[in-house]
Amino acid sequence: MTEIVRSLLIFICLFINTIAEPSISNFQECSPKEIVISHGKCSLYVNELIFLSEEYNEDVPMEAVNNMSRACQSITSCFGGLQCLESQKNKELYQRKCDSVQLKNFDVESCLMLFYEEIYEKNSSCASKYDFTAKTFQQKREAFTSGKSCFLDFVKNNCSERAQSYMKSDYDHFLDVLTVPSENGMCTPVQNTITKIQCVPVERKVLIKMLGFSSSLDKDTDQHLTATCQEIVDCIQPCSSVESEGINKLCGNFELLDDKEFMDCADKIETIHNENKEKLSGYKCMSGLDSIKTLTKNRDCMKEVMKGECDESALKNFDRNWKILDDALSH
């Protein structure tokens, strides 16, 4: 894999992991008395949760899991009972932290990973009847409500006893965690995590396409990689905080990879530079350029070398391709 292609793929992979942050509620400021209660009574429960979380990083025993659950209930109840800004912010903050802890402790994340793989592999007959990968919260809630028996059958047959226990006792709360956004309509951190899990099969499919492409740049292939851009964007929405400019950069990388003439030419120049650098010494602008990445930072030199070493077709979209390449390599 060449340096240019590697940089483009790294940029794409970094983009996929970009997620949104939620907002907070709008309440009146806390009174001195409410602050004392918040920092006193509620903090005791917070300290208990912190202690338990630090004591067990992996393989948390069920006794500790249950103790964490009780601590979480006490925390949210304590902060939730105080109708003021700081307390409500803390309630929202710790509810999200607790939801995240619960999903990990009860193996729900790994269970969902298996479930979405099942959906994308089309191995489940009943899963195809419901839109479990819906793009809106309402549609997803409808799918997990009407398709509850289908989903729980999968959990029973494929997931751990912990995951089964969680779904059996807290399915309604799981629905809220999955489908109730923050007040500004954006995804919560837990929903971001679940969306990333949901998109793993899509990312794997895209990476396989990209790896196949990068290993056959010199062949007459038609990968149509730009189509994969929409697959990724569709999957990560609505839980992506990336603005249209960021999406354009992502899709631009695919457009550049799809421009076979330009990429073949860039690959050819990199090969010459690595194997027979003297061949490029006839270009005055190449003096002192010690790597292909350095060359790609010199627009005029890159264009001159491409014009001399490749067919004119490689330059037909040079200005567009140069901007995309420059953005990716400087990322």
C-alpha atoms as a PDB file:
ATOM      1  CA  MET A   1       0.000   0.000   0.000  1.00  0.00           C
ATOM      2  CA  THR A   2       1.476   3.355  -1.015  1.00  0.00           C
ATOM      3  CA  GLU A   3       1.946   6.332   1.311  1.00  0.00           C
ATOM      4  CA  ILE A   4      -0.729   8.323  -0.536  1.00  0.00           C
ATOM      5  CA  VAL A   5      -3.370   5.594  -0.330  1.00  0.00           C
ATOM      6  CA  ARG A   6      -2.478   4.863   3.293  1.00  0.00           C
ATOM      7  CA  SER A   7      -3.001   8.518   4.249  1.00  0.00           C
ATOM      8  CA  LEU A   8      -6.370   8.599   2.499  1.00  0.00           C
ATOM      9  CA  LEU A   9      -7.552   5.451   4.271  1.00  0.00           C
ATOM     10  CA  ILE A  10      -6.373   6.722   7.665  1.00  0.00           C
ATOM     11  CA  PHE A  11      -8.309   9.957   7.105  1.00  0.00           C
ATOM     12  CA  ILE A  12     -11.436   7.967   6.259  1.00  0.00           C
ATOM     13  CA  CYS A  13     -11.123   5.710   9.326  1.00  0.00           C
ATOM     14  CA  LEU A  14     -10.603   8.695  11.621  1.00  0.00           C
ATOM     15  CA  PHE A  15     -13.715  10.316  10.173  1.00  0.00           C
ATOM     16  CA  ILE A  16     -15.865   7.271  10.893  1.00  0.00           C
ATOM     17  CA  ASN A  17     -15.163   7.559  14.605  1.00  0.00           C
ATOM     18  CA  THR A  18     -16.302  11.184  14.908  1.00  0.00           C
ATOM     19  CA  ILE A  19     -19.418  11.482  17.076  1.00  0.00           C
ATOM     20  CA  ALA A  20     -21.636  14.130  18.622  1.00  0.00           C
ATOM     21  CA  GLU A  21     -21.882  15.489  22.157  1.00  0.00           C
ATOM     22  CA  PRO A  22     -25.235  16.064  23.865  1.00  0.00           C
ATOM     23  CA  SER A  23     -26.663  19.247  25.384  1.00  0.00           C
ATOM     24  CA  ILE A  24     -27.913  19.946  28.913  1.00  0.00           C
ATOM     25  CA  SER A  25     -31.254  20.933  30.386  1.00  0.00           C
ATOM     26  CA  ASN A  26     -32.286  24.495  31.145  1.00  0.00           C
ATOM     27  CA  PHE A  27     -33.176  25.033  34.813  1.00  0.00           C
ATOM     28  CA  GLN A  28     -32.843  27.817  37.382  1.00  0.00           C
ATOM     29  CA  GLU A  29     -29.589  28.095  39.307  1.00  0.00           C
ATOM     30  CA  CYS A  30     -29.415  26.013  42.489  1.00  0.00           C
ATOM     31  CA  SER A  31     -29.953  27.695  45.833  1.00  0.00           C
ATOM     32  CA  PRO A  32     -27.189  27.469  48.502  1.00  0.00           C
ATOM     33  CA  LYS A  33     -29.229  24.808  50.318  1.00  0.00           C
ATOM     34  CA  GLU A  34     -29.651  22.737  47.174  1.00  0.00           C
ATOM     35  CA  ILE A  35     -25.931  22.988  46.467  1.00  0.00           C
ATOM     36  CA  VAL A  36     -25.140  21.702  49.962  1.00  0.00           C
ATOM     37  CA  ILE A  37     -27.455  18.723  49.449  1.00  0.00           C
ATOM     38  CA  SER A  38     -26.025  18.074  46.008  1.00  0.00           C
ATOM     39  CA  HIS A  39     -22.414  18.206  47.185  1.00  0.00           C
ATOM     40  CA  GLY A  40     -23.142  16.317  50.357  1.00  0.00           C
ATOM     41  CA  LYS A  41     -25.741  13.566  50.192  1.00  0.00           C
ATOM     42  CA  CYS A  42     -25.570  12.916  46.445  1.00  0.00           C
ATOM     43  CA  SER A  43     -21.782  12.857  46.416  1.00  0.00           C
ATOM     44  CA  LEU A  44     -21.777   9.896  48.792  1.00  0.00           C
ATOM     45  CA  TYR A  45     -23.503   7.781  46.155  1.00  0.00           C
ATOM     46  CA  VAL A  46     -21.180   9.114  43.455  1.00  0.00           C
ATOM     47  CA  ASN A  47     -18.141   8.135  45.515  1.00  0.00           C
ATOM     48  CA  GLU A  48     -19.567   4.639  45.943  1.00  0.00           C
ATOM     49  CA  LEU A  49     -19.972   4.259  42.185  1.00  0.00           C
ATOM     50  CA  ILE A  50     -16.458   5.582  41.544  1.00  0.00           C
ATOM     51  CA  PHE A  51     -15.000   3.174  44.101  1.00  0.00           C
ATOM     52  CA  LEU A  52     -16.761   0.190  42.539  1.00  0.00           C
ATOM     53  CA  SER A  53     -15.809   1.247  39.006  1.00  0.00           C
ATOM     54  CA  GLU A  54     -12.138   1.629  39.909  1.00  0.00           C
ATOM     55  CA  GLU A  55     -12.049  -1.665  41.793  1.00  0.00           C
ATOM     56  CA  TYR A  56     -13.347  -3.657  38.829  1.00  0.00           C
ATOM     57  CA  ASN A  57     -12.154  -2.821  35.316  1.00  0.00           C
ATOM     58  CA  GLU A  58     -12.747  -6.182  33.670  1.00  0.00           C
ATOM     59  CA  ASP A  59     -14.809  -9.262  34.541  1.00  0.00           C
ATOM     60  CA  VAL A  60     -16.996  -7.448  37.049  1.00  0.00           C
ATOM     61  CA  PRO A  61     -18.707  -9.990  39.369  1.00  0.00           C
ATOM     62  CA  MET A  62     -22.504  -9.893  39.544  1.00  0.00           C
ATOM     63  CA  GLU A  63     -22.477  -8.727  43.158  1.00  0.00           C
ATOM     64  CA  ALA A  64     -20.499  -5.652  42.120  1.00  0.00           C
ATOM     65  CA  VAL A  65     -22.732  -5.167  39.065  1.00  0.00           C
ATOM     66  CA  ASN A  66     -25.803  -5.113  41.305  1.00  0.00           C
ATOM     67  CA  ASN A  67     -24.091  -2.732  43.738  1.00  0.00           C
ATOM     68  CA  MET A  68     -23.259  -0.392  40.852  1.00  0.00           C
ATOM     69  CA  SER A  69     -26.881  -0.526  39.708  1.00  0.00           C
ATOM     70  CA  ARG A  70     -28.103   0.428  43.168  1.00  0.00           C
ATOM     71  CA  ALA A  71     -25.551   3.244  43.392  1.00  0.00           C
ATOM     72  CA  CYS A  72     -26.705   4.545  40.008  1.00  0.00           C
ATOM     73  CA  GLN A  73     -30.339   4.504  41.080  1.00  0.00           C
ATOM     74  CA  SER A  74     -29.438   6.426  44.245  1.00  0.00           C
ATOM     75  CA  ILE A  75     -27.400   8.993  42.301  1.00  0.00           C
ATOM     76  CA  THR A  76     -30.066   9.786  39.712  1.00  0.00           C
ATOM     77  CA  SER A  77     -32.799   9.825  42.343  1.00  0.00           C
ATOM     78  CA  CYS A  78     -30.818  12.176  44.580  1.00  0.00           C
ATOM     79  CA  PHE A  79     -29.871  14.674  41.872  1.00  0.00           C
ATOM     80  CA  GLY A  80     -33.252  14.328  40.173  1.00  0.00           C
ATOM     81  CA  GLY A  81     -35.049  15.362  43.342  1.00  0.00           C
ATOM     82  CA  LEU A  82     -33.445  18.804  43.195  1.00  0.00           C
ATOM     83  CA  GLN A  83     -35.123  20.914  40.504  1.00  0.00           C
ATOM     84  CA  CYS A  84     -32.214  23.220  39.732  1.00  0.00           C
ATOM     85  CA  LEU A  85     -29.591  23.557  37.021  1.00  0.00           C
ATOM     86  CA  GLU A  86     -26.502  22.002  38.593  1.00  0.00           C
ATOM     87  CA  SER A  87     -28.398  19.039  40.008  1.00  0.00           C
ATOM     88  CA  GLN A  88     -30.233  18.332  36.769  1.00  0.00           C
ATOM     89  CA  LYS A  89     -26.961  18.554  34.859  1.00  0.00           C
ATOM     90  CA  ASN A  90     -25.473  16.044  37.275  1.00  0.00           C
ATOM     91  CA  LYS A  91     -28.510  13.782  37.002  1.00  0.00           C
ATOM     92  CA  GLU A  92     -28.208  13.789  33.209  1.00  0.00           C
ATOM     93  CA  LEU A  93     -24.448  13.293  33.373  1.00  0.00           C
ATOM     94  CA  TYR A  94     -24.572  10.328  35.752  1.00  0.00           C
ATOM     95  CA  GLN A  95     -27.587   8.773  34.066  1.00  0.00           C
ATOM     96  CA  ARG A  96     -25.544   8.593  30.886  1.00  0.00           C
ATOM     97  CA  LYS A  97     -22.499   7.273  32.716  1.00  0.00           C
ATOM     98  CA  CYS A  98     -24.644   4.675  34.435  1.00  0.00           C
ATOM     99  CA  ASP A  99     -26.325   3.623  31.193  1.00  0.00           C
ATOM    100  CA  SER A 100     -22.892   3.121  29.674  1.00  0.00           C
ATOM    101  CA  VAL A 101     -21.708   1.124  32.696  1.00  0.00           C
ATOM    102  CA  GLN A 102     -24.835  -1.030  32.611  1.00  0.00           C
ATOM    103  CA  LEU A 103     -24.516  -1.866  28.928  1.00  0.00           C
ATOM    104  CA  LYS A 104     -20.931  -2.997  29.488  1.00  0.00           C
ATOM    105  CA  ASN A 105     -21.491  -4.831  32.755  1.00  0.00           C
ATOM    106  CA  PHE A 106     -24.466  -6.755  31.373  1.00  0.00           C
ATOM    107  CA  ASP A 107     -22.719  -7.623  28.079  1.00  0.00           C
ATOM    108  CA  VAL A 108     -25.340  -5.678  26.118  1.00  0.00           C
ATOM    109  CA  GLU A 109     -22.744  -4.064  23.861  1.00  0.00           C
ATOM    110  CA  SER A 110     -21.294  -7.409  22.763  1.00  0.00           C
ATOM    111  CA  CYS A 111     -24.823  -8.764  22.349  1.00  0.00           C
ATOM    112  CA  LEU A 112     -25.776  -5.863  20.064  1.00  0.00           C
ATOM    113  CA  MET A 113     -22.604  -6.405  18.066  1.00  0.00           C
ATOM    114  CA  LEU A 114     -23.698  -9.975  17.357  1.00  0.00           C
ATOM    115  CA  PHE A 115     -27.245  -8.833  16.581  1.00  0.00           C
ATOM    116  CA  TYR A 116     -26.242  -6.229  13.995  1.00  0.00           C
ATOM    117  CA  GLU A 117     -23.836  -8.673  12.379  1.00  0.00           C
ATOM    118  CA  GLU A 118     -26.770 -11.074  12.097  1.00  0.00           C
ATOM    119  CA  ILE A 119     -28.826  -8.370  10.402  1.00  0.00           C
ATOM    120  CA  TYR A 120     -26.156  -7.394   7.887  1.00  0.00           C
ATOM    121  CA  GLU A 121     -25.334 -11.003   7.109  1.00  0.00           C
ATOM    122  CA  LYS A 122     -29.089 -11.610   6.633  1.00  0.00           C
ATOM    123  CA  ASN A 123     -28.942 -14.763   8.750  1.00  0.00           C
ATOM    124  CA  SER A 124     -32.160 -14.074  10.657  1.00  0.00           C
ATOM    125  CA  SER A 125     -35.517 -14.488   8.965  1.00  0.00           C
ATOM    126  CA  CYS A 126     -37.501 -12.476  11.503  1.00  0.00           C
ATOM    127  CA  ALA A 127     -35.002  -9.590  11.717  1.00  0.00           C
ATOM    128  CA  SER A 128     -35.671  -8.720   8.084  1.00  0.00           C
ATOM    129  CA  LYS A 129     -39.279  -7.910   8.986  1.00  0.00           C
ATOM    130  CA  TYR A 130     -38.308  -4.970  11.209  1.00  0.00           C
ATOM    131  CA  ASP A 131     -36.210  -1.875  10.601  1.00  0.00           C
ATOM    132  CA  PHE A 132     -33.775  -2.412  13.483  1.00  0.00           C
ATOM    133  CA  THR A 133     -31.223  -0.174  11.749  1.00  0.00           C
ATOM    134  CA  ALA A 134     -33.673   2.703  11.206  1.00  0.00           C
ATOM    135  CA  LYS A 135     -32.181   6.180  10.893  1.00  0.00           C
ATOM    136  CA  THR A 136     -34.706   7.992  13.111  1.00  0.00           C
ATOM    137  CA  PHE A 137     -35.296   7.448  16.806  1.00  0.00           C
ATOM    138  CA  GLN A 138     -39.041   6.994  16.302  1.00  0.00           C
ATOM    139  CA  GLN A 139     -38.634   4.367  13.585  1.00  0.00           C
ATOM    140  CA  LYS A 140     -36.052   2.505  15.630  1.00  0.00           C
ATOM    141  CA  ARG A 141     -38.330   2.545  18.680  1.00  0.00           C
ATOM    142  CA  GLU A 142     -41.179   1.150  16.590  1.00  0.00           C
ATOM    143  CA  ALA A 143     -38.896  -1.608  15.282  1.00  0.00           C
ATOM    144  CA  PHE A 144     -37.655  -2.650  18.720  1.00  0.00           C
ATOM    145  CA  THR A 145     -41.221  -2.492  20.056  1.00  0.00           C
ATOM    146  CA  SER A 146     -43.024  -4.436  17.339  1.00  0.00           C
ATOM    147  CA  GLY A 147     -40.002  -6.700  16.857  1.00  0.00           C
ATOM    148  CA  LYS A 148     -39.395  -7.252  20.566  1.00  0.00           C
ATOM    149  CA  SER A 149     -40.014 -11.006  20.446  1.00  0.00           C
ATOM    150  CA  CYS A 150     -37.686 -11.369  17.449  1.00  0.00           C
ATOM    151  CA  PHE A 151     -34.914  -9.433  19.189  1.00  0.00           C
ATOM    152  CA  LEU A 152     -35.350 -11.232  22.516  1.00  0.00           C
ATOM    153  CA  ASP A 153     -35.297 -14.616  20.762  1.00  0.00           C
ATOM    154  CA  PHE A 154     -31.925 -13.664  19.334  1.00  0.00           C
ATOM    155  CA  VAL A 155     -30.703 -12.535  22.767  1.00  0.00           C
ATOM    156  CA  LYS A 156     -31.856 -15.808  24.318  1.00  0.00           C
ATOM    157  CA  ASN A 157     -30.076 -17.935  21.721  1.00  0.00           C
ATOM    158  CA  ASN A 158     -26.895 -15.931  21.207  1.00  0.00           C
ATOM    159  CA  CYS A 159     -26.101 -13.682  24.163  1.00  0.00           C
ATOM    160  CA  SER A 160     -24.821 -14.180  27.690  1.00  0.00           C
ATOM    161  CA  GLU A 161     -27.014 -14.798  30.719  1.00  0.00           C
ATOM    162  CA  ARG A 162     -26.229 -11.276  31.893  1.00  0.00           C
ATOM    163  CA  ALA A 163     -27.539  -9.757  28.676  1.00  0.00           C
ATOM    164  CA  GLN A 164     -30.628 -11.947  28.872  1.00  0.00           C
ATOM    165  CA  SER A 165     -31.212 -10.854  32.477  1.00  0.00           C
ATOM    166  CA  TYR A 166     -30.865  -7.171  31.580  1.00  0.00           C
ATOM    167  CA  MET A 167     -33.261  -7.381  28.642  1.00  0.00           C
ATOM    168  CA  LYS A 168     -35.786  -9.344  30.667  1.00  0.00           C
ATOM    169  CA  SER A 169     -35.910  -6.850  33.531  1.00  0.00           C
ATOM    170  CA  ASP A 170     -35.037  -3.530  31.863  1.00  0.00           C
ATOM    171  CA  TYR A 171     -36.283  -3.726  28.280  1.00  0.00           C
ATOM    172  CA  ASP A 172     -38.377  -0.555  28.571  1.00  0.00           C
ATOM    173  CA  HIS A 173     -35.377   1.373  29.872  1.00  0.00           C
ATOM    174  CA  PHE A 174     -33.244  -0.141  27.106  1.00  0.00           C
ATOM    175  CA  LEU A 175     -35.746   1.273  24.593  1.00  0.00           C
ATOM    176  CA  ASP A 176     -35.338   4.714  26.149  1.00  0.00           C
ATOM    177  CA  VAL A 177     -31.554   4.451  26.139  1.00  0.00           C
ATOM    178  CA  LEU A 178     -31.686   3.412  22.498  1.00  0.00           C
ATOM    179  CA  THR A 179     -34.244   5.890  21.165  1.00  0.00           C
ATOM    180  CA  VAL A 180     -34.705   8.939  23.431  1.00  0.00           C
ATOM    181  CA  PRO A 181     -32.273  11.688  22.326  1.00  0.00           C
ATOM    182  CA  SER A 182     -30.950  14.554  24.405  1.00  0.00           C
ATOM    183  CA  GLU A 183     -33.015  17.729  24.568  1.00  0.00           C
ATOM    184  CA  ASN A 184     -31.499  19.236  21.423  1.00  0.00           C
ATOM    185  CA  GLY A 185     -32.357  16.115  19.436  1.00  0.00           C
ATOM    186  CA  MET A 186     -28.763  14.936  19.223  1.00  0.00           C
ATOM    187  CA  CYS A 187     -27.580  11.495  20.256  1.00  0.00           C
ATOM    188  CA  THR A 188     -26.444  10.769  23.786  1.00  0.00           C
ATOM    189  CA  PRO A 189     -22.972   9.246  24.335  1.00  0.00           C
ATOM    190  CA  VAL A 190     -24.551   5.807  24.773  1.00  0.00           C
ATOM    191  CA  GLN A 191     -26.449   6.193  21.501  1.00  0.00           C
ATOM    192  CA  ASN A 192     -23.187   7.201  19.845  1.00  0.00           C
ATOM    193  CA  THR A 193     -21.619   3.994  21.145  1.00  0.00           C
ATOM    194  CA  ILE A 194     -24.542   1.872  19.953  1.00  0.00           C
ATOM    195  CA  THR A 195     -24.450   3.552  16.543  1.00  0.00           C
ATOM    196  CA  LYS A 196     -20.739   2.771  16.240  1.00  0.00           C
ATOM    197  CA  ILE A 197     -21.522  -0.852  17.132  1.00  0.00           C
ATOM    198  CA  GLN A 198     -24.305  -0.897  14.536  1.00  0.00           C
ATOM    199  CA  CYS A 199     -21.910   0.445  11.910  1.00  0.00           C
ATOM    200  CA  VAL A 200     -19.104  -2.066  12.538  1.00  0.00           C
ATOM    201  CA  PRO A 201     -20.387  -4.487   9.851  1.00  0.00           C
ATOM    202  CA  VAL A 202     -20.678  -1.578   7.398  1.00  0.00           C
ATOM    203  CA  GLU A 203     -17.180  -0.349   8.243  1.00  0.00           C
ATOM    204  CA  ARG A 204     -15.803  -3.862   7.817  1.00  0.00           C
ATOM    205  CA  LYS A 205     -17.444  -4.112   4.401  1.00  0.00           C
ATOM    206  CA  VAL A 206     -16.036  -0.740   3.367  1.00  0.00           C
ATOM    207  CA  LEU A 207     -12.537  -1.542   4.635  1.00  0.00           C
ATOM    208  CA  ILE A 208     -12.529  -4.797   2.676  1.00  0.00           C
ATOM    209  CA  LYS A 209     -13.436  -2.810  -0.441  1.00  0.00           C
ATOM    210  CA  MET A 210     -10.703  -0.275   0.237  1.00  0.00           C
ATOM    211  CA  LEU A 211      -8.054  -2.911   0.939  1.00  0.00           C
ATOM    212  CA  GLY A 212      -8.979  -4.728  -2.240  1.00  0.00           C
ATOM    213  CA  PHE A 213      -8.723  -1.471  -4.122  1.00  0.00           C
ATOM    214  CA  SER A 214      -5.369  -0.446  -2.645  1.00  0.00           C
ATOM    215  CA  SER A 215      -3.826  -3.801  -3.557  1.00  0.00           C
ATOM    216  CA  SER A 216      -4.900  -3.533  -7.200  1.00  0.00           C
ATOM    217  CA  LEU A 217      -4.280   0.078  -8.161  1.00  0.00           C
ATOM    218  CA  ASP A 218      -2.382  -1.021 -11.243  1.00  0.00           C
ATOM    219  CA  LYS A 219      -5.209  -3.186 -12.563  1.00  0.00           C
ATOM    220  CA  ASP A 220      -8.180  -2.279 -14.707  1.00  0.00           C
ATOM    221  CA  THR A 221     -10.667  -2.269 -11.844  1.00  0.00           C
ATOM    222  CA  ASP A 222     -13.887  -0.387 -11.332  1.00  0.00           C
ATOM    223  CA  GLN A 223     -14.404  -0.276  -7.590  1.00  0.00           C
ATOM    224  CA  HIS A 224     -16.980   2.537  -7.500  1.00  0.00           C
ATOM    225  CA  LEU A 225     -15.744   3.465  -4.052  1.00  0.00           C
ATOM    226  CA  THR A 226     -17.721   6.712  -4.003  1.00  0.00           C
ATOM    227  CA  ALA A 227     -20.846   4.630  -3.429  1.00  0.00           C
ATOM    228  CA  THR A 228     -19.398   3.453  -0.124  1.00  0.00           C
ATOM    229  CA  CYS A 229     -19.275   7.024   1.139  1.00  0.00           C
ATOM    230  CA  GLN A 230     -23.063   7.148   1.312  1.00  0.00           C
ATOM    231  CA  GLU A 231     -23.135   3.783   3.074  1.00  0.00           C
ATOM    232  CA  ILE A 232     -20.998   5.162   5.893  1.00  0.00           C
ATOM    233  CA  VAL A 233     -22.852   8.472   6.109  1.00  0.00           C
ATOM    234  CA  ASP A 234     -26.236   6.724   6.164  1.00  0.00           C
ATOM    235  CA  CYS A 235     -25.069   4.441   8.951  1.00  0.00           C
ATOM    236  CA  ILE A 236     -23.547   7.010  11.298  1.00  0.00           C
ATOM    237  CA  GLN A 237     -26.456   9.438  10.988  1.00  0.00           C
ATOM    238  CA  PRO A 238     -28.154  10.787  13.019  1.00  0.00           C
ATOM    239  CA  CYS A 239     -25.297  10.316  15.498  1.00  0.00           C
ATOM    240  CA  SER A 240     -22.638  12.213  13.585  1.00  0.00           C
ATOM    241  CA  SER A 241     -21.506  15.679  14.633  1.00  0.00           C
ATOM    242  CA  VAL A 242     -19.538  16.114  11.443  1.00  0.00           C
ATOM    243  CA  GLU A 243     -20.702  19.096   9.405  1.00  0.00           C
ATOM    244  CA  SER A 244     -21.267  18.963   5.661  1.00  0.00           C
ATOM    245  CA  GLU A 245     -17.685  20.122   5.105  1.00  0.00           C
ATOM    246  CA  GLY A 246     -16.403  17.047   6.923  1.00  0.00           C
ATOM    247  CA  ILE A 247     -18.699  14.752   4.953  1.00  0.00           C
ATOM    248  CA  ASN A 248     -17.521  16.378   1.730  1.00  0.00           C
ATOM    249  CA  LYS A 249     -13.928  15.672   2.751  1.00  0.00           C
ATOM    250  CA  LEU A 250     -14.773  12.042   3.442  1.00  0.00           C
ATOM    251  CA  CYS A 251     -16.567  11.594   0.133  1.00  0.00           C
ATOM    252  CA  GLY A 252     -13.800  13.512  -1.582  1.00  0.00           C
ATOM    253  CA  ASN A 253     -11.309  10.876  -0.479  1.00  0.00           C
ATOM    254  CA  PHE A 254     -13.436   8.216  -2.122  1.00  0.00           C
ATOM    255  CA  GLU A 255     -13.761  10.343  -5.258  1.00  0.00           C
ATOM    256  CA  LEU A 256      -9.998  10.633  -5.399  1.00  0.00           C
ATOM    257  CA  LEU A 257      -9.537   6.889  -4.920  1.00  0.00           C
ATOM    258  CA  ASP A 258     -12.045   6.379  -7.730  1.00  0.00           C
ATOM    259  CA  ASP A 259     -10.029   8.567 -10.135  1.00  0.00           C
ATOM    260  CA  LYS A 260      -7.951   5.706 -11.481  1.00  0.00           C
ATOM    261  CA  GLU A 261      -5.801   7.770 -13.862  1.00  0.00           C
ATOM    262  CA  PHE A 262      -4.737  10.218 -11.154  1.00  0.00           C
ATOM    263  CA  MET A 263      -4.092   7.508  -8.554  1.00  0.00           C
ATOM    264  CA  ASP A 264      -2.205   5.324 -11.040  1.00  0.00           C
ATOM    265  CA  CYS A 265      -0.013   8.290 -11.908  1.00  0.00           C
ATOM    266  CA  ALA A 266       0.637   9.184  -8.258  1.00  0.00           C
ATOM    267  CA  ASP A 267       1.437   5.545  -7.541  1.00  0.00           C
ATOM    268  CA  LYS A 268       3.808   5.426 -10.531  1.00  0.00           C
ATOM    269  CA  ILE A 269       5.671   8.536  -9.364  1.00  0.00           C
ATOM    270  CA  GLU A 270       5.969   7.178  -5.831  1.00  0.00           C
ATOM    271  CA  THR A 271       7.360   3.891  -7.180  1.00  0.00           C
ATOM    272  CA  ILE A 272       9.920   5.738  -9.314  1.00  0.00           C
ATOM    273  CA  HIS A 273      10.879   7.931  -6.366  1.00  0.00           C
ATOM    274  CA  ASN A 274      11.406   4.898  -4.131  1.00  0.00           C
ATOM    275  CA  GLU A 275      13.192   2.653  -6.634  1.00  0.00           C
ATOM    276  CA  ASN A 276      14.983   4.978  -9.053  1.00  0.00           C
ATOM    277  CA  LYS A 277      15.053   8.485  -7.621  1.00  0.00           C
ATOM    278  CA  GLU A 278      17.653   9.644 -10.168  1.00  0.00           C
ATOM    279  CA  LYS A 279      15.042   9.318 -12.929  1.00  0.00           C
ATOM    280  CA  LEU A 280      13.234  12.320 -11.454  1.00  0.00           C
ATOM    281  CA  SER A 281      16.369  14.432 -11.131  1.00  0.00           C
ATOM    282  CA  GLY A 282      15.598  16.087 -14.458  1.00  0.00           C
ATOM    283  CA  TYR A 283      12.835  18.041 -12.767  1.00  0.00           C
ATOM    284  CA  LYS A 284      14.413  21.084 -11.097  1.00  0.00           C
ATOM    285  CA  CYS A 285      11.612  21.284  -8.560  1.00  0.00           C
ATOM    286  CA  MET A 286      12.514  17.798  -7.265  1.00  0.00           C
ATOM    287  CA  SER A 287      15.823  19.002  -5.854  1.00  0.00           C
ATOM    288  CA  GLY A 288      15.849  18.414  -2.092  1.00  0.00           C
ATOM    289  CA  LEU A 289      12.514  16.589  -1.983  1.00  0.00           C
ATOM    290  CA  ASP A 290      13.228  13.463   0.044  1.00  0.00           C
ATOM    291  CA  SER A 291       9.825  11.744   0.035  1.00  0.00           C
ATOM    292  CA  ILE A 292       6.647  11.428  -1.984  1.00  0.00           C
ATOM    293  CA  LYS A 293       4.761  13.049   0.887  1.00  0.00           C
ATOM    294  CA  THR A 294       7.052  16.075   0.597  1.00  0.00           C
ATOM    295  CA  LEU A 295       6.355  16.171  -3.138  1.00  0.00           C
ATOM    296  CA  THR A 296       2.614  16.199  -2.526  1.00  0.00           C
ATOM    297  CA  LYS A 297       3.020  19.411  -0.532  1.00  0.00           C
ATOM    298  CA  ASN A 298       4.389  21.193  -3.613  1.00  0.00           C
ATOM    299  CA  ARG A 299       1.446  21.667  -5.953  1.00  0.00           C
ATOM    300  CA  ASP A 300       3.302  23.047  -8.959  1.00  0.00           C
ATOM    301  CA  CYS A 301       6.038  20.435  -8.758  1.00  0.00           C
ATOM    302  CA  MET A 302       3.527  17.614  -8.435  1.00  0.00           C
ATOM    303  CA  LYS A 303       1.707  18.849 -11.530  1.00  0.00           C
ATOM    304  CA  GLU A 304       4.952  19.212 -13.496  1.00  0.00           C
ATOM    305  CA  VAL A 305       6.119  15.691 -12.637  1.00  0.00           C
ATOM    306  CA  MET A 306       2.722  14.148 -13.369  1.00  0.00           C
ATOM    307  CA  LYS A 307       2.613  15.941 -16.715  1.00  0.00           C
ATOM    308  CA  GLY A 308       6.035  14.577 -17.604  1.00  0.00           C
ATOM    309  CA  GLU A 309       5.558  11.005 -16.384  1.00  0.00           C
ATOM    310  CA  CYS A 310       1.904  10.244 -17.099  1.00  0.00           C
ATOM    311  CA  ASP A 311      -0.823  10.550 -19.693  1.00  0.00           C
ATOM    312  CA  GLU A 312      -2.754  13.822 -19.878  1.00  0.00           C
ATOM    313  CA  SER A 313      -5.874  12.033 -18.573  1.00  0.00           C
ATOM    314  CA  ALA A 314      -4.245  11.940 -15.129  1.00  0.00           C
ATOM    315  CA  LEU A 315      -4.415  15.749 -14.991  1.00  0.00           C
ATOM    316  CA  LYS A 316      -8.027  16.260 -16.058  1.00  0.00           C
ATOM    317  CA  ASN A 317      -9.216  16.742 -12.447  1.00  0.00           C
ATOM    318  CA  PHE A 318      -5.878  17.851 -11.028  1.00  0.00           C
ATOM    319  CA  ASP A 319      -7.075  20.928  -9.102  1.00  0.00           C
ATOM    320  CA  ARG A 320      -9.878  19.014  -7.385  1.00  0.00           C
ATOM    321  CA  ASN A 321      -7.696  15.993  -6.690  1.00  0.00           C
ATOM    322  CA  TRP A 322      -4.845  18.121  -5.389  1.00  0.00           C
ATOM    323  CA  LYS A 323      -7.109  19.794  -2.823  1.00  0.00           C
ATOM    324  CA  ILE A 324      -8.468  16.433  -1.630  1.00  0.00           C
ATOM    325  CA  LEU A 325      -4.996  14.927  -1.451  1.00  0.00           C
ATOM    326  CA  ASP A 326      -3.557  17.947   0.347  1.00  0.00           C
ATOM    327  CA  ASP A 327      -6.355  17.846   2.952  1.00  0.00           C
ATOM    328  CA  ALA A 328      -5.850  14.127   3.582  1.00  0.00           C
ATOM    329  CA  LEU A 329      -2.052  14.231   3.818  1.00  0.00           C
ATOM    330  CA  SER A 330      -2.054  17.283   6.092  1.00  0.00           C
ATOM    331  CA  HIS A 331      -4.709  15.792   8.427  1.00  0.00           C
END
